[in-house]
Amino acid sequence: MKRALIVIDVQNEYVVGKLPISYPPLDISLANIGAAMDAASRAGIPVVVVRHASPADSPVFARGSVGFELHPTVANRPHDVVIDKALPSSFTGTGLAEWLATRDIDTVAICGYMTQNCNESTARDAVHRGYAVEFLADASGTLTLSNRAGSVSARDLHESVLVVMQSRYAAVASTAEWIETVTGGNELERSNLLDSTAEARPKTSATARP
């Protein structure tokens, strides 16, 4: 296993801008993002910082704006490369895949913002490209959504995505669990769709009659 840590969109827009992350609380997710970066650096794991970039006249993440800038939690820590993207997946329209390939990376650990948007899109894309994925549950975050399709709280949204990720796409873990894995060499627990649906399936009795 050769990992890279992908730190997605930890930009001021999500902290002091128009899209403030609310769950998990920012002080928790930011602290864990920093801890994951520190652990990666100590272990010699490459750290990729991904930054969302929109045109200068965009309402959010506009190039040159305060919201576009990396938050100090990330900006002030060692990292190997900064990659700008314009779409949710960190792979789409970027050089990320090539950068990983030249370093023989086969596993990507994902943290940052938002859980259901750029994090999830990157995780799904990574699986389709043949990578093993790790998803840092408490080093990610989102906010409440409401539109014509309905409403969902930040907590429900975050936790639902984690369940979906664990069911097929990634090994979901806390930052502490991930750091222990990085330092101790143990693999994170993975699941699959069949096992993840077992509890929800109707139980049949061996003595049931037709």
C-alpha atoms as a PDB file:
ATOM      1  CA  MET A   1       0.000   0.000   0.000  1.00  0.00           C
ATOM      2  CA  LYS A   2       1.366   3.405  -0.972  1.00  0.00           C
ATOM      3  CA  ARG A   3      -0.791   6.286   0.230  1.00  0.00           C
ATOM      4  CA  ALA A   4      -1.315   9.928  -0.563  1.00  0.00           C
ATOM      5  CA  LEU A   5      -3.398  12.258   1.597  1.00  0.00           C
ATOM      6  CA  ILE A   6      -5.797  14.370  -0.470  1.00  0.00           C
ATOM      7  CA  VAL A   7      -6.838  17.545   1.366  1.00  0.00           C
ATOM      8  CA  ILE A   8      -9.810  18.985  -0.490  1.00  0.00           C
ATOM      9  CA  ASP A   9     -10.966  22.617  -0.559  1.00  0.00           C
ATOM     10  CA  VAL A  10      -9.952  23.708   2.929  1.00  0.00           C
ATOM     11  CA  GLN A  11     -10.492  27.305   1.893  1.00  0.00           C
ATOM     12  CA  ASN A  12     -11.736  30.388   3.677  1.00  0.00           C
ATOM     13  CA  GLU A  13     -15.086  30.183   1.862  1.00  0.00           C
ATOM     14  CA  TYR A  14     -15.978  27.264   4.126  1.00  0.00           C
ATOM     15  CA  VAL A  15     -14.787  28.996   7.294  1.00  0.00           C
ATOM     16  CA  VAL A  16     -15.475  32.729   7.141  1.00  0.00           C
ATOM     17  CA  GLY A  17     -17.201  32.930   3.764  1.00  0.00           C
ATOM     18  CA  LYS A  18     -20.635  32.179   2.358  1.00  0.00           C
ATOM     19  CA  LEU A  19     -20.551  28.411   2.934  1.00  0.00           C
ATOM     20  CA  PRO A  20     -19.649  27.917   6.600  1.00  0.00           C
ATOM     21  CA  ILE A  21     -19.265  24.250   7.498  1.00  0.00           C
ATOM     22  CA  SER A  22     -21.499  23.313  10.425  1.00  0.00           C
ATOM     23  CA  TYR A  23     -21.101  19.553  10.992  1.00  0.00           C
ATOM     24  CA  PRO A  24     -18.865  18.300  12.373  1.00  0.00           C
ATOM     25  CA  PRO A  25     -18.084  21.652  14.004  1.00  0.00           C
ATOM     26  CA  LEU A  26     -15.294  23.506  12.252  1.00  0.00           C
ATOM     27  CA  ASP A  27     -12.980  23.466  15.238  1.00  0.00           C
ATOM     28  CA  ILE A  28     -13.135  19.673  15.209  1.00  0.00           C
ATOM     29  CA  SER A  29     -12.727  19.097  11.478  1.00  0.00           C
ATOM     30  CA  LEU A  30      -9.965  21.696  11.077  1.00  0.00           C
ATOM     31  CA  ALA A  31      -8.014  20.263  14.001  1.00  0.00           C
ATOM     32  CA  ASN A  32      -8.295  16.773  12.535  1.00  0.00           C
ATOM     33  CA  ILE A  33      -7.272  17.932   9.074  1.00  0.00           C
ATOM     34  CA  GLY A  34      -4.181  19.467  10.616  1.00  0.00           C
ATOM     35  CA  ALA A  35      -3.475  16.294  12.595  1.00  0.00           C
ATOM     36  CA  ALA A  36      -3.818  14.145   9.467  1.00  0.00           C
ATOM     37  CA  MET A  37      -1.429  16.387   7.548  1.00  0.00           C
ATOM     38  CA  ASP A  38       1.100  16.293  10.373  1.00  0.00           C
ATOM     39  CA  ALA A  39       0.886  12.506  10.596  1.00  0.00           C
ATOM     40  CA  ALA A  40       1.288  12.153   6.835  1.00  0.00           C
ATOM     41  CA  SER A  41       4.367  14.366   6.864  1.00  0.00           C
ATOM     42  CA  ARG A  42       5.938  12.352   9.674  1.00  0.00           C
ATOM     43  CA  ALA A  43       5.242   9.103   7.829  1.00  0.00           C
ATOM     44  CA  GLY A  44       6.559  10.342   4.491  1.00  0.00           C
ATOM     45  CA  ILE A  45       3.107  10.214   2.894  1.00  0.00           C
ATOM     46  CA  PRO A  46       2.669  12.769   0.089  1.00  0.00           C
ATOM     47  CA  VAL A  47       0.141  15.499   0.859  1.00  0.00           C
ATOM     48  CA  VAL A  48      -1.901  16.841  -2.042  1.00  0.00           C
ATOM     49  CA  VAL A  49      -3.800  20.069  -1.414  1.00  0.00           C
ATOM     50  CA  VAL A  50      -6.733  20.616  -3.751  1.00  0.00           C
ATOM     51  CA  ARG A  51      -8.246  24.060  -4.176  1.00  0.00           C
ATOM     52  CA  HIS A  52     -11.530  24.942  -5.852  1.00  0.00           C
ATOM     53  CA  ALA A  53     -11.103  27.798  -8.302  1.00  0.00           C
ATOM     54  CA  SER A  54     -13.954  29.785  -9.860  1.00  0.00           C
ATOM     55  CA  PRO A  55     -13.810  32.780 -12.209  1.00  0.00           C
ATOM     56  CA  ALA A  56     -13.129  36.175 -10.646  1.00  0.00           C
ATOM     57  CA  ASP A  57     -16.780  37.230 -10.927  1.00  0.00           C
ATOM     58  CA  SER A  58     -18.174  34.117  -9.199  1.00  0.00           C
ATOM     59  CA  PRO A  59     -20.074  34.511  -5.905  1.00  0.00           C
ATOM     60  CA  VAL A  60     -17.935  31.859  -4.178  1.00  0.00           C
ATOM     61  CA  PHE A  61     -14.346  30.642  -4.540  1.00  0.00           C
ATOM     62  CA  ALA A  62     -13.552  33.485  -6.916  1.00  0.00           C
ATOM     63  CA  ARG A  63      -9.881  33.615  -7.826  1.00  0.00           C
ATOM     64  CA  GLY A  64      -8.205  36.447  -5.968  1.00  0.00           C
ATOM     65  CA  SER A  65     -10.841  36.609  -3.236  1.00  0.00           C
ATOM     66  CA  VAL A  66     -10.402  35.889   0.447  1.00  0.00           C
ATOM     67  CA  GLY A  67     -12.790  32.955   0.103  1.00  0.00           C
ATOM     68  CA  PHE A  68     -10.548  31.369  -2.523  1.00  0.00           C
ATOM     69  CA  GLU A  69      -7.489  31.386  -0.286  1.00  0.00           C
ATOM     70  CA  LEU A  70      -6.428  28.275   1.590  1.00  0.00           C
ATOM     71  CA  HIS A  71      -7.219  28.327   5.285  1.00  0.00           C
ATOM     72  CA  PRO A  72      -4.096  28.688   7.463  1.00  0.00           C
ATOM     73  CA  THR A  73      -4.651  25.189   8.858  1.00  0.00           C
ATOM     74  CA  VAL A  74      -3.540  23.912   5.462  1.00  0.00           C
ATOM     75  CA  ALA A  75      -1.561  26.817   4.043  1.00  0.00           C
ATOM     76  CA  ASN A  76       0.861  26.852   6.979  1.00  0.00           C
ATOM     77  CA  ARG A  77       1.601  23.124   6.914  1.00  0.00           C
ATOM     78  CA  PRO A  78       3.961  21.218   4.609  1.00  0.00           C
ATOM     79  CA  HIS A  79       2.383  19.852   1.458  1.00  0.00           C
ATOM     80  CA  ASP A  80       3.785  18.486  -1.768  1.00  0.00           C
ATOM     81  CA  VAL A  81       1.589  20.100  -4.385  1.00  0.00           C
ATOM     82  CA  VAL A  82      -1.425  22.394  -4.807  1.00  0.00           C
ATOM     83  CA  ILE A  83      -3.883  21.420  -7.530  1.00  0.00           C
ATOM     84  CA  ASP A  84      -6.704  23.681  -8.683  1.00  0.00           C
ATOM     85  CA  LYS A  85      -9.984  22.219  -9.876  1.00  0.00           C
ATOM     86  CA  ALA A  86     -13.223  23.593 -11.305  1.00  0.00           C
ATOM     87  CA  LEU A  87     -15.538  20.601 -10.788  1.00  0.00           C
ATOM     88  CA  PRO A  88     -16.375  18.441  -7.757  1.00  0.00           C
ATOM     89  CA  SER A  89     -13.983  15.556  -8.436  1.00  0.00           C
ATOM     90  CA  SER A  90     -10.361  16.373  -7.763  1.00  0.00           C
ATOM     91  CA  PHE A  91      -9.459  14.222 -10.775  1.00  0.00           C
ATOM     92  CA  THR A  92     -11.598  15.947 -13.405  1.00  0.00           C
ATOM     93  CA  GLY A  93      -9.692  18.425 -15.548  1.00  0.00           C
ATOM     94  CA  THR A  94      -6.628  18.317 -13.305  1.00  0.00           C
ATOM     95  CA  GLY A  95      -3.266  16.591 -13.284  1.00  0.00           C
ATOM     96  CA  LEU A  96      -3.975  14.657 -10.086  1.00  0.00           C
ATOM     97  CA  ALA A  97      -4.097  11.192 -11.659  1.00  0.00           C
ATOM     98  CA  GLU A  98      -0.793  11.742 -13.449  1.00  0.00           C
ATOM     99  CA  TRP A  99       0.816  13.140 -10.290  1.00  0.00           C
ATOM    100  CA  LEU A 100      -0.240  10.076  -8.315  1.00  0.00           C
ATOM    101  CA  ALA A 101       0.807   7.671 -11.060  1.00  0.00           C
ATOM    102  CA  THR A 102       4.364   8.984 -11.208  1.00  0.00           C
ATOM    103  CA  ARG A 103       4.677   8.190  -7.491  1.00  0.00           C
ATOM    104  CA  ASP A 104       3.060   4.737  -7.729  1.00  0.00           C
ATOM    105  CA  ILE A 105       0.266   5.749  -5.354  1.00  0.00           C
ATOM    106  CA  ASP A 106      -2.438   3.094  -5.031  1.00  0.00           C
ATOM    107  CA  THR A 107      -4.380   4.392  -2.010  1.00  0.00           C
ATOM    108  CA  VAL A 108      -5.835   7.840  -1.405  1.00  0.00           C
ATOM    109  CA  ALA A 109      -6.997   9.151   1.957  1.00  0.00           C
ATOM    110  CA  ILE A 110      -9.573  11.911   1.625  1.00  0.00           C
ATOM    111  CA  CYS A 111     -10.359  14.780   3.962  1.00  0.00           C
ATOM    112  CA  GLY A 112     -11.667  18.332   3.632  1.00  0.00           C
ATOM    113  CA  TYR A 113     -14.892  19.835   2.350  1.00  0.00           C
ATOM    114  CA  MET A 114     -17.684  19.165   1.549  1.00  0.00           C
ATOM    115  CA  THR A 115     -18.502  15.616   2.564  1.00  0.00           C
ATOM    116  CA  GLN A 116     -21.197  14.963  -0.060  1.00  0.00           C
ATOM    117  CA  ASN A 117     -19.818  17.152  -2.806  1.00  0.00           C
ATOM    118  CA  CYS A 118     -16.116  17.262  -3.620  1.00  0.00           C
ATOM    119  CA  ASN A 119     -15.065  14.617  -1.082  1.00  0.00           C
ATOM    120  CA  GLU A 120     -17.628  12.069  -2.206  1.00  0.00           C
ATOM    121  CA  SER A 121     -17.104  12.855  -5.895  1.00  0.00           C
ATOM    122  CA  THR A 122     -13.360  12.396  -5.532  1.00  0.00           C
ATOM    123  CA  ALA A 123     -13.809   9.134  -3.633  1.00  0.00           C
ATOM    124  CA  ARG A 124     -16.146   7.665  -6.241  1.00  0.00           C
ATOM    125  CA  ASP A 125     -13.892   8.791  -9.064  1.00  0.00           C
ATOM    126  CA  ALA A 126     -10.868   7.296  -7.332  1.00  0.00           C
ATOM    127  CA  VAL A 127     -12.581   3.904  -7.019  1.00  0.00           C
ATOM    128  CA  HIS A 128     -13.463   3.967 -10.708  1.00  0.00           C
ATOM    129  CA  ARG A 129      -9.804   4.647 -11.471  1.00  0.00           C
ATOM    130  CA  GLY A 130      -8.640   1.671  -9.432  1.00  0.00           C
ATOM    131  CA  TYR A 131      -7.499   3.321  -6.200  1.00  0.00           C
ATOM    132  CA  ALA A 132      -8.243   2.068  -2.724  1.00  0.00           C
ATOM    133  CA  VAL A 133      -9.913   4.896  -0.778  1.00  0.00           C
ATOM    134  CA  GLU A 134      -9.862   5.949   2.855  1.00  0.00           C
ATOM    135  CA  PHE A 135     -12.328   8.585   4.047  1.00  0.00           C
ATOM    136  CA  LEU A 136     -11.584  10.564   7.215  1.00  0.00           C
ATOM    137  CA  ALA A 137     -14.970  10.990   8.878  1.00  0.00           C
ATOM    138  CA  ASP A 138     -14.129  13.714  11.380  1.00  0.00           C
ATOM    139  CA  ALA A 139     -11.727  15.557   9.096  1.00  0.00           C
ATOM    140  CA  SER A 140     -14.542  16.267   6.650  1.00  0.00           C
ATOM    141  CA  GLY A 141     -17.694  18.329   6.963  1.00  0.00           C
ATOM    142  CA  THR A 142     -20.742  19.870   5.383  1.00  0.00           C
ATOM    143  CA  LEU A 143     -23.693  22.195   5.996  1.00  0.00           C
ATOM    144  CA  THR A 144     -27.485  21.962   5.912  1.00  0.00           C
ATOM    145  CA  LEU A 145     -29.106  21.868   2.469  1.00  0.00           C
ATOM    146  CA  SER A 146     -32.594  22.984   1.477  1.00  0.00           C
ATOM    147  CA  ASN A 147     -34.083  23.296  -2.010  1.00  0.00           C
ATOM    148  CA  ARG A 148     -37.190  22.332  -3.981  1.00  0.00           C
ATOM    149  CA  ALA A 149     -36.345  18.647  -3.526  1.00  0.00           C
ATOM    150  CA  GLY A 150     -36.416  18.896   0.252  1.00  0.00           C
ATOM    151  CA  SER A 151     -34.186  19.597   3.224  1.00  0.00           C
ATOM    152  CA  VAL A 152     -31.494  17.672   5.042  1.00  0.00           C
ATOM    153  CA  SER A 153     -29.525  18.662   8.107  1.00  0.00           C
ATOM    154  CA  ALA A 154     -25.748  18.851   7.990  1.00  0.00           C
ATOM    155  CA  ARG A 155     -25.439  15.986  10.463  1.00  0.00           C
ATOM    156  CA  ASP A 156     -27.841  13.672   8.616  1.00  0.00           C
ATOM    157  CA  LEU A 157     -26.197  14.466   5.305  1.00  0.00           C
ATOM    158  CA  HIS A 158     -22.686  13.886   6.623  1.00  0.00           C
ATOM    159  CA  GLU A 159     -23.531  10.641   8.380  1.00  0.00           C
ATOM    160  CA  SER A 160     -25.502   9.278   5.418  1.00  0.00           C
ATOM    161  CA  VAL A 161     -22.571   9.824   3.080  1.00  0.00           C
ATOM    162  CA  LEU A 162     -20.243   8.056   5.497  1.00  0.00           C
ATOM    163  CA  VAL A 163     -22.538   5.005   5.515  1.00  0.00           C
ATOM    164  CA  VAL A 164     -22.663   4.980   1.709  1.00  0.00           C
ATOM    165  CA  MET A 165     -18.885   5.349   1.466  1.00  0.00           C
ATOM    166  CA  GLN A 166     -18.305   2.437   3.850  1.00  0.00           C
ATOM    167  CA  SER A 167     -20.819   0.271   1.973  1.00  0.00           C
ATOM    168  CA  ARG A 168     -18.771   0.183  -1.219  1.00  0.00           C
ATOM    169  CA  TYR A 169     -16.356   2.983  -1.900  1.00  0.00           C
ATOM    170  CA  ALA A 170     -14.048   3.545   1.047  1.00  0.00           C
ATOM    171  CA  ALA A 171     -12.808   2.528   4.435  1.00  0.00           C
ATOM    172  CA  VAL A 172     -14.319   5.171   6.688  1.00  0.00           C
ATOM    173  CA  ALA A 173     -12.342   5.998   9.820  1.00  0.00           C
ATOM    174  CA  SER A 174     -11.762   8.683  12.382  1.00  0.00           C
ATOM    175  CA  THR A 175      -8.571  10.677  12.055  1.00  0.00           C
ATOM    176  CA  ALA A 176      -7.184   8.957  15.163  1.00  0.00           C
ATOM    177  CA  GLU A 177      -7.881   5.535  13.635  1.00  0.00           C
ATOM    178  CA  TRP A 178      -6.257   6.593  10.378  1.00  0.00           C
ATOM    179  CA  ILE A 179      -3.149   7.886  12.139  1.00  0.00           C
ATOM    180  CA  GLU A 180      -2.880   4.633  14.074  1.00  0.00           C
ATOM    181  CA  THR A 181      -3.115   2.726  10.805  1.00  0.00           C
ATOM    182  CA  VAL A 182      -0.451   4.904   9.199  1.00  0.00           C
ATOM    183  CA  THR A 183       1.941   4.450  12.104  1.00  0.00           C
ATOM    184  CA  GLY A 184       1.079   0.865  13.006  1.00  0.00           C
ATOM    185  CA  GLY A 185       0.634  -0.681   9.600  1.00  0.00           C
ATOM    186  CA  ASN A 186      -2.793  -2.203  10.238  1.00  0.00           C
ATOM    187  CA  GLU A 187      -5.422  -1.919   7.530  1.00  0.00           C
ATOM    188  CA  LEU A 188      -8.728  -0.154   8.068  1.00  0.00           C
ATOM    189  CA  GLU A 189     -11.910  -2.211   8.072  1.00  0.00           C
ATOM    190  CA  ARG A 190     -13.792  -2.333   4.797  1.00  0.00           C
ATOM    191  CA  SER A 191     -17.297  -3.499   3.974  1.00  0.00           C
ATOM    192  CA  ASN A 192     -19.467  -4.187   0.948  1.00  0.00           C
ATOM    193  CA  LEU A 193     -23.010  -3.596  -0.183  1.00  0.00           C
ATOM    194  CA  LEU A 194     -24.247  -7.076   0.696  1.00  0.00           C
ATOM    195  CA  ASP A 195     -23.001  -6.928   4.266  1.00  0.00           C
ATOM    196  CA  SER A 196     -24.163  -3.342   4.666  1.00  0.00           C
ATOM    197  CA  THR A 197     -27.722  -4.270   3.744  1.00  0.00           C
ATOM    198  CA  ALA A 198     -27.872  -7.439   5.835  1.00  0.00           C
ATOM    199  CA  GLU A 199     -29.440  -5.830   8.878  1.00  0.00           C
ATOM    200  CA  ALA A 200     -32.153  -4.214   6.774  1.00  0.00           C
ATOM    201  CA  ARG A 201     -33.161  -7.378   4.962  1.00  0.00           C
ATOM    202  CA  PRO A 202     -36.216  -9.267   6.243  1.00  0.00           C
ATOM    203  CA  LYS A 203     -35.275 -12.217   8.418  1.00  0.00           C
ATOM    204  CA  THR A 204     -36.728 -15.617   7.455  1.00  0.00           C
ATOM    205  CA  SER A 205     -37.292 -18.343   9.980  1.00  0.00           C
ATOM    206  CA  ALA A 206     -35.986 -21.816   9.346  1.00  0.00           C
ATOM    207  CA  THR A 207     -39.350 -23.156  10.489  1.00  0.00           C
ATOM    208  CA  ALA A 208     -41.453 -20.788   8.374  1.00  0.00           C
ATOM    209  CA  ARG A 209     -43.989 -22.558   6.178  1.00  0.00           C
ATOM    210  CA  PRO A 210     -44.973 -21.395   2.664  1.00  0.00           C
END
